[in-house]
C-alpha cells in the first residue's frame, strides 16, 4: 500500500499549530545552544567545541544535550 504524503494545506489547523509550536521550540533551543557555545570559552565546555557544533544539528537531542551536559555551570 502506497501512502501519499500530506501537504501543508491538507493538515488541520490543530496539526499546523502543533508543528509550528514544536518547530519554534527546536529553533529556540538550537539558537540558545549555538549562542552559548559561541560565546563560552573552551574551558567552560565539557568536551570540544568542534564536537558540539555538528551535534547541535541533531534535532532535538543535540541542543538539549549541550544545554544540560555540554557546558559547565558557573556559580
PDB file of N, CA and C in Angstrom:
ATOM      1  N   UNK A   1       0.839  -1.180   0.000  1.00  0.00           N
ATOM      2  CA  UNK A   1       0.000   0.000   0.000  1.00  0.00           C
ATOM      3  C   UNK A   1       0.886   1.246   0.000  1.00  0.00           C
ATOM      4  N   UNK A   2       0.613   2.129  -0.909  1.00  0.00           N
ATOM      5  CA  UNK A   2       1.387   3.357  -1.019  1.00  0.00           C
ATOM      6  C   UNK A   2       0.643   4.469  -0.282  1.00  0.00           C
ATOM      7  N   UNK A   3       1.370   5.098   0.634  1.00  0.00           N
ATOM      8  CA  UNK A   3       0.777   6.211   1.391  1.00  0.00           C
ATOM      9  C   UNK A   3       1.255   7.517   0.786  1.00  0.00           C
ATOM     10  N   UNK A   4       0.322   8.360   0.492  1.00  0.00           N
ATOM     11  CA  UNK A   4       0.719   9.663  -0.039  1.00  0.00           C
ATOM     12  C   UNK A   4       1.014  10.599   1.124  1.00  0.00           C
ATOM     13  N   UNK A   5       1.961  11.468   0.897  1.00  0.00           N
ATOM     14  CA  UNK A   5       2.324  12.429   1.936  1.00  0.00           C
ATOM     15  C   UNK A   5       1.300  13.543   1.966  1.00  0.00           C
ATOM     16  N   UNK A   6       0.989  13.992   3.175  1.00  0.00           N
ATOM     17  CA  UNK A   6       0.067  15.113   3.309  1.00  0.00           C
ATOM     18  C   UNK A   6       0.788  16.408   2.998  1.00  0.00           C
ATOM     19  N   UNK A   7       0.086  17.295   2.406  1.00  0.00           N
ATOM     20  CA  UNK A   7       0.618  18.621   2.144  1.00  0.00           C
ATOM     21  C   UNK A   7       0.158  19.544   3.259  1.00  0.00           C
ATOM     22  N   UNK A   8       0.820  20.684   3.354  1.00  0.00           N
ATOM     23  CA  UNK A   8       0.505  21.644   4.405  1.00  0.00           C
ATOM     24  C   UNK A   8      -0.981  22.007   4.393  1.00  0.00           C
ATOM     25  N   UNK A   9      -1.537  22.241   3.222  1.00  0.00           N
ATOM     26  CA  UNK A   9      -2.940  22.650   3.137  1.00  0.00           C
ATOM     27  C   UNK A   9      -3.895  21.517   3.504  1.00  0.00           C
ATOM     28  N   UNK A  10      -3.411  20.264   3.524  1.00  0.00           N
ATOM     29  CA  UNK A  10      -4.254  19.128   3.903  1.00  0.00           C
ATOM     30  C   UNK A  10      -4.329  18.925   5.414  1.00  0.00           C
ATOM     31  N   UNK A  11      -3.465  19.592   6.150  1.00  0.00           N
ATOM     32  CA  UNK A  11      -3.434  19.440   7.605  1.00  0.00           C
ATOM     33  C   UNK A  11      -4.519  20.284   8.255  1.00  0.00           C
ATOM     34  N   UNK A  12      -4.980  19.813   9.431  1.00  0.00           N
ATOM     35  CA  UNK A  12      -5.964  20.591  10.187  1.00  0.00           C
ATOM     36  C   UNK A  12      -5.262  21.773  10.853  1.00  0.00           C
ATOM     37  N   UNK A  13      -6.030  22.722  11.306  1.00  0.00           N
ATOM     38  CA  UNK A  13      -5.458  23.884  11.997  1.00  0.00           C
ATOM     39  C   UNK A  13      -4.701  23.459  13.254  1.00  0.00           C
ATOM     40  N   UNK A  14      -5.219  22.474  13.948  1.00  0.00           N
ATOM     41  CA  UNK A  14      -4.548  21.974  15.159  1.00  0.00           C
ATOM     42  C   UNK A  14      -3.198  21.350  14.809  1.00  0.00           C
ATOM     43  N   UNK A  15      -3.144  20.544  13.750  1.00  0.00           N
ATOM     44  CA  UNK A  15      -1.892  19.930  13.324  1.00  0.00           C
ATOM     45  C   UNK A  15      -0.874  20.987  12.919  1.00  0.00           C
ATOM     46  N   UNK A  16      -1.324  21.995  12.218  1.00  0.00           N
ATOM     47  CA  UNK A  16      -0.426  23.089  11.830  1.00  0.00           C
ATOM     48  C   UNK A  16       0.117  23.801  13.062  1.00  0.00           C
ATOM     49  N   UNK A  17      -0.759  24.050  14.045  1.00  0.00           N
ATOM     50  CA  UNK A  17      -0.334  24.739  15.265  1.00  0.00           C
ATOM     51  C   UNK A  17       0.694  23.918  16.028  1.00  0.00           C
ATOM     52  N   UNK A  18       0.494  22.615  16.106  1.00  0.00           N
ATOM     53  CA  UNK A  18       1.444  21.750  16.805  1.00  0.00           C
ATOM     54  C   UNK A  18       2.798  21.754  16.090  1.00  0.00           C
ATOM     55  N   UNK A  19       2.778  21.636  14.775  1.00  0.00           N
ATOM     56  CA  UNK A  19       4.026  21.634  14.002  1.00  0.00           C
ATOM     57  C   UNK A  19       4.778  22.950  14.189  1.00  0.00           C
ATOM     58  N   UNK A  20       4.071  24.071  14.107  1.00  0.00           N
ATOM     59  CA  UNK A  20       4.718  25.373  14.266  1.00  0.00           C
ATOM     60  C   UNK A  20       5.249  25.570  15.682  1.00  0.00           C
ATOM     61  N   UNK A  21       4.528  25.075  16.677  1.00  0.00           N
ATOM     62  CA  UNK A  21       4.983  25.201  18.065  1.00  0.00           C
ATOM     63  C   UNK A  21       6.251  24.387  18.296  1.00  0.00           C
ATOM     64  N   UNK A  22       6.254  23.146  17.837  1.00  0.00           N
ATOM     65  CA  UNK A  22       7.433  22.289  18.005  1.00  0.00           C
ATOM     66  C   UNK A  22       8.626  22.857  17.237  1.00  0.00           C
ATOM     67  N   UNK A  23       8.382  23.351  16.039  1.00  0.00           N
ATOM     68  CA  UNK A  23       9.466  23.934  15.244  1.00  0.00           C
ATOM     69  C   UNK A  23      10.053  25.165  15.926  1.00  0.00           C
ATOM     70  N   UNK A  24       9.201  26.003  16.510  1.00  0.00           N
ATOM     71  CA  UNK A  24       9.718  27.201  17.177  1.00  0.00           C
ATOM     72  C   UNK A  24      10.497  26.839  18.439  1.00  0.00           C
ATOM     73  N   UNK A  25      10.081  25.793  19.143  1.00  0.00           N
ATOM     74  CA  UNK A  25      10.827  25.341  20.324  1.00  0.00           C
ATOM     75  C   UNK A  25      12.196  24.812  19.900  1.00  0.00           C
ATOM     76  N   UNK A  26      12.242  24.008  18.855  1.00  0.00           N
ATOM     77  CA  UNK A  26      13.518  23.486  18.360  1.00  0.00           C
ATOM     78  C   UNK A  26      14.438  24.609  17.901  1.00  0.00           C
ATOM     79  N   UNK A  27      13.891  25.574  17.211  1.00  0.00           N
ATOM     80  CA  UNK A  27      14.688  26.708  16.746  1.00  0.00           C
ATOM     81  C   UNK A  27      15.232  27.509  17.922  1.00  0.00           C
ATOM     82  N   UNK A  28      14.398  27.729  18.929  1.00  0.00           N
ATOM     83  CA  UNK A  28      14.840  28.472  20.113  1.00  0.00           C
ATOM     84  C   UNK A  28      15.936  27.732  20.865  1.00  0.00           C
ATOM     85  N   UNK A  29      15.750  26.430  21.043  1.00  0.00           N
ATOM     86  CA  UNK A  29      16.778  25.638  21.726  1.00  0.00           C
ATOM     87  C   UNK A  29      18.096  25.657  20.962  1.00  0.00           C
ATOM     88  N   UNK A  30      18.020  25.494  19.659  1.00  0.00           N
ATOM     89  CA  UNK A  30      19.229  25.480  18.836  1.00  0.00           C
ATOM     90  C   UNK A  30      19.928  26.835  18.865  1.00  0.00           C
ATOM     91  N   UNK A  31      19.161  27.914  18.751  1.00  0.00           N
ATOM     92  CA  UNK A  31      19.756  29.256  18.776  1.00  0.00           C
ATOM     93  C   UNK A  31      20.383  29.547  20.136  1.00  0.00           C
ATOM     94  N   UNK A  32      19.719  29.156  21.202  1.00  0.00           N
ATOM     95  CA  UNK A  32      20.255  29.373  22.544  1.00  0.00           C
ATOM     96  C   UNK A  32      21.551  28.586  22.738  1.00  0.00           C
ATOM     97  N   UNK A  33      21.544  27.329  22.345  1.00  0.00           N
ATOM     98  CA  UNK A  33      22.739  26.494  22.487  1.00  0.00           C
ATOM     99  C   UNK A  33      23.885  27.025  21.622  1.00  0.00           C
ATOM    100  N   UNK A  34      23.583  27.433  20.390  1.00  0.00           N
ATOM    101  CA  UNK A  34      24.625  27.949  19.494  1.00  0.00           C
ATOM    102  C   UNK A  34      25.215  29.248  20.034  1.00  0.00           C
ATOM    103  N   UNK A  35      24.385  30.136  20.542  1.00  0.00           N
ATOM    104  CA  UNK A  35      24.882  31.398  21.105  1.00  0.00           C
ATOM    105  C   UNK A  35      25.761  31.133  22.320  1.00  0.00           C
ATOM    106  N   UNK A  36      25.340  30.197  23.164  1.00  0.00           N
ATOM    107  CA  UNK A  36      26.133  29.869  24.343  1.00  0.00           C
ATOM    108  C   UNK A  36      27.461  29.234  23.942  1.00  0.00           C
ATOM    109  N   UNK A  37      27.416  28.307  22.994  1.00  0.00           N
ATOM    110  CA  UNK A  37      28.641  27.645  22.539  1.00  0.00           C
ATOM    111  C   UNK A  37      29.600  28.643  21.902  1.00  0.00           C
ATOM    112  N   UNK A  38      29.077  29.596  21.174  1.00  0.00           N
ATOM    113  CA  UNK A  38      29.907  30.598  20.508  1.00  0.00           C
ATOM    114  C   UNK A  38      30.586  31.515  21.517  1.00  0.00           C
ATOM    115  N   UNK A  39      29.865  31.920  22.546  1.00  0.00           N
ATOM    116  CA  UNK A  39      30.396  32.917  23.484  1.00  0.00           C
ATOM    117  C   UNK A  39      31.140  32.315  24.673  1.00  0.00           C
ATOM    118  N   UNK A  40      30.882  31.075  25.000  1.00  0.00           N
ATOM    119  CA  UNK A  40      31.518  30.455  26.168  1.00  0.00           C
ATOM    120  C   UNK A  40      32.952  30.054  25.835  1.00  0.00           C
ATOM    121  N   UNK A  41      33.898  30.352  26.728  1.00  0.00           N
ATOM    122  CA  UNK A  41      35.281  29.925  26.482  1.00  0.00           C
ATOM    123  C   UNK A  41      35.380  28.392  26.504  1.00  0.00           C
ATOM    124  N   UNK A  42      36.373  27.870  25.793  1.00  0.00           N
ATOM    125  CA  UNK A  42      36.543  26.418  25.687  1.00  0.00           C
ATOM    126  C   UNK A  42      36.702  25.766  27.059  1.00  0.00           C
ATOM    127  N   UNK A  43      37.257  26.487  28.024  1.00  0.00           N
ATOM    128  CA  UNK A  43      37.431  25.924  29.363  1.00  0.00           C
ATOM    129  C   UNK A  43      36.096  25.716  30.072  1.00  0.00           C
ATOM    130  N   UNK A  44      35.052  26.360  29.606  1.00  0.00           N
ATOM    131  CA  UNK A  44      33.740  26.223  30.224  1.00  0.00           C
ATOM    132  C   UNK A  44      32.864  25.181  29.558  1.00  0.00           C
ATOM    133  N   UNK A  45      33.454  24.398  28.663  1.00  0.00           N
ATOM    134  CA  UNK A  45      32.686  23.407  27.916  1.00  0.00           C
ATOM    135  C   UNK A  45      33.242  22.024  28.193  1.00  0.00           C
ATOM    136  N   UNK A  46      32.345  21.084  28.404  1.00  0.00           N
ATOM    137  CA  UNK A  46      32.761  19.690  28.551  1.00  0.00           C
ATOM    138  C   UNK A  46      32.952  19.123  27.157  1.00  0.00           C
ATOM    139  N   UNK A  47      34.150  18.713  26.845  1.00  0.00           N
ATOM    140  CA  UNK A  47      34.448  18.208  25.516  1.00  0.00           C
ATOM    141  C   UNK A  47      34.958  19.326  24.636  1.00  0.00           C
ATOM    142  N   UNK A  48      34.922  19.085  23.358  1.00  0.00           N
ATOM    143  CA  UNK A  48      35.486  20.016  22.398  1.00  0.00           C
ATOM    144  C   UNK A  48      34.386  20.819  21.706  1.00  0.00           C
ATOM    145  N   UNK A  49      34.659  22.107  21.471  1.00  0.00           N
ATOM    146  CA  UNK A  49      33.706  22.936  20.731  1.00  0.00           C
ATOM    147  C   UNK A  49      33.472  22.359  19.338  1.00  0.00           C
ATOM    148  N   UNK A  50      34.538  21.865  18.717  1.00  0.00           N
ATOM    149  CA  UNK A  50      34.428  21.304  17.373  1.00  0.00           C
ATOM    150  C   UNK A  50      33.498  20.092  17.348  1.00  0.00           C
ATOM    151  N   UNK A  51      33.409  19.375  18.436  1.00  0.00           N
ATOM    152  CA  UNK A  51      32.497  18.231  18.519  1.00  0.00           C
ATOM    153  C   UNK A  51      31.061  18.689  18.732  1.00  0.00           C
ATOM    154  N   UNK A  52      30.854  19.723  19.532  1.00  0.00           N
ATOM    155  CA  UNK A  52      29.500  20.170  19.854  1.00  0.00           C
ATOM    156  C   UNK A  52      28.804  20.848  18.682  1.00  0.00           C
ATOM    157  N   UNK A  53      29.544  21.550  17.810  1.00  0.00           N
ATOM    158  CA  UNK A  53      28.892  22.254  16.691  1.00  0.00           C
ATOM    159  C   UNK A  53      28.057  21.319  15.822  1.00  0.00           C
ATOM    160  N   UNK A  54      28.599  20.218  15.299  1.00  0.00           N
ATOM    161  CA  UNK A  54      27.744  19.351  14.475  1.00  0.00           C
ATOM    162  C   UNK A  54      26.637  18.674  15.284  1.00  0.00           C
ATOM    163  N   UNK A  55      26.885  18.430  16.571  1.00  0.00           N
ATOM    164  CA  UNK A  55      25.854  17.791  17.389  1.00  0.00           C
ATOM    165  C   UNK A  55      24.644  18.695  17.596  1.00  0.00           C
ATOM    166  N   UNK A  56      24.849  20.002  17.510  1.00  0.00           N
ATOM    167  CA  UNK A  56      23.713  20.914  17.645  1.00  0.00           C
ATOM    168  C   UNK A  56      22.698  20.733  16.520  1.00  0.00           C
ATOM    169  N   UNK A  57      23.132  20.149  15.407  1.00  0.00           N
ATOM    170  CA  UNK A  57      22.238  19.950  14.267  1.00  0.00           C
ATOM    171  C   UNK A  57      21.376  18.700  14.398  1.00  0.00           C
ATOM    172  N   UNK A  58      21.652  17.865  15.393  1.00  0.00           N
ATOM    173  CA  UNK A  58      20.864  16.656  15.621  1.00  0.00           C
ATOM    174  C   UNK A  58      19.646  17.062  16.447  1.00  0.00           C
ATOM    175  N   UNK A  59      18.527  17.225  15.764  1.00  0.00           N
ATOM    176  CA  UNK A  59      17.317  17.736  16.404  1.00  0.00           C
ATOM    177  C   UNK A  59      16.474  16.625  16.998  1.00  0.00           C
ATOM    178  N   UNK A  60      15.877  16.841  18.144  1.00  0.00           N
ATOM    179  CA  UNK A  60      16.068  17.925  19.097  1.00  0.00           C
ATOM    180  C   UNK A  60      17.115  17.590  20.150  1.00  0.00           C
ATOM    181  N   UNK A  61      17.784  16.440  20.001  1.00  0.00           N
ATOM    182  CA  UNK A  61      18.646  15.942  21.069  1.00  0.00           C
ATOM    183  C   UNK A  61      19.954  16.705  21.236  1.00  0.00           C
ATOM    184  N   UNK A  62      20.538  17.200  20.161  1.00  0.00           N
ATOM    185  CA  UNK A  62      21.818  17.906  20.249  1.00  0.00           C
ATOM    186  C   UNK A  62      21.765  19.151  21.123  1.00  0.00           C
ATOM    187  N   UNK A  63      20.849  20.083  20.850  1.00  0.00           N
ATOM    188  CA  UNK A  63      20.776  21.278  21.695  1.00  0.00           C
ATOM    189  C   UNK A  63      20.430  20.966  23.154  1.00  0.00           C
ATOM    190  N   UNK A  64      19.534  20.001  23.360  1.00  0.00           N
ATOM    191  CA  UNK A  64      19.166  19.630  24.730  1.00  0.00           C
ATOM    192  C   UNK A  64      20.369  19.027  25.449  1.00  0.00           C
ATOM    193  N   UNK A  65      21.110  18.151  24.755  1.00  0.00           N
ATOM    194  CA  UNK A  65      22.302  17.547  25.361  1.00  0.00           C
ATOM    195  C   UNK A  65      23.336  18.607  25.700  1.00  0.00           C
ATOM    196  N   UNK A  66      23.555  19.555  24.792  1.00  0.00           N
ATOM    197  CA  UNK A  66      24.533  20.598  25.074  1.00  0.00           C
ATOM    198  C   UNK A  66      24.095  21.442  26.274  1.00  0.00           C
ATOM    199  N   UNK A  67      22.852  21.854  26.298  1.00  0.00           N
ATOM    200  CA  UNK A  67      22.393  22.734  27.373  1.00  0.00           C
ATOM    201  C   UNK A  67      22.342  22.033  28.725  1.00  0.00           C
ATOM    202  N   UNK A  68      22.187  20.721  28.735  1.00  0.00           N
ATOM    203  CA  UNK A  68      22.146  20.005  30.014  1.00  0.00           C
ATOM    204  C   UNK A  68      23.491  19.407  30.409  1.00  0.00           C
ATOM    205  N   UNK A  69      24.281  18.972  29.430  1.00  0.00           N
ATOM    206  CA  UNK A  69      25.528  18.266  29.743  1.00  0.00           C
ATOM    207  C   UNK A  69      26.791  18.940  29.223  1.00  0.00           C
ATOM    208  N   UNK A  70      26.672  19.750  28.200  1.00  0.00           N
ATOM    209  CA  UNK A  70      27.840  20.223  27.473  1.00  0.00           C
ATOM    210  C   UNK A  70      28.612  21.372  28.065  1.00  0.00           C
ATOM    211  N   UNK A  71      27.979  22.165  28.901  1.00  0.00           N
ATOM    212  CA  UNK A  71      28.729  23.295  29.444  1.00  0.00           C
ATOM    213  C   UNK A  71      28.755  23.229  30.962  1.00  0.00           C
ATOM    214  N   UNK A  72      29.818  23.775  31.494  1.00  0.00           N
ATOM    215  CA  UNK A  72      29.956  23.808  32.948  1.00  0.00           C
ATOM    216  C   UNK A  72      29.192  25.012  33.478  1.00  0.00           C
ATOM    217  N   UNK A  73      28.424  24.781  34.485  1.00  0.00           N
ATOM    218  CA  UNK A  73      27.652  25.870  35.075  1.00  0.00           C
ATOM    219  C   UNK A  73      28.560  26.746  35.927  1.00  0.00           C
ATOM    220  N   UNK A  74      28.381  28.049  35.802  1.00  0.00           N
ATOM    221  CA  UNK A  74      29.165  28.957  36.620  1.00  0.00           C
ATOM    222  C   UNK A  74      28.336  29.350  37.839  1.00  0.00           C
ATOM    223  N   UNK A  75      28.978  29.373  39.013  1.00  0.00           N
ATOM    224  CA  UNK A  75      28.223  29.702  40.238  1.00  0.00           C
ATOM    225  C   UNK A  75      27.788  31.143  40.295  1.00  0.00           C
TER     226      UNK A  75
END
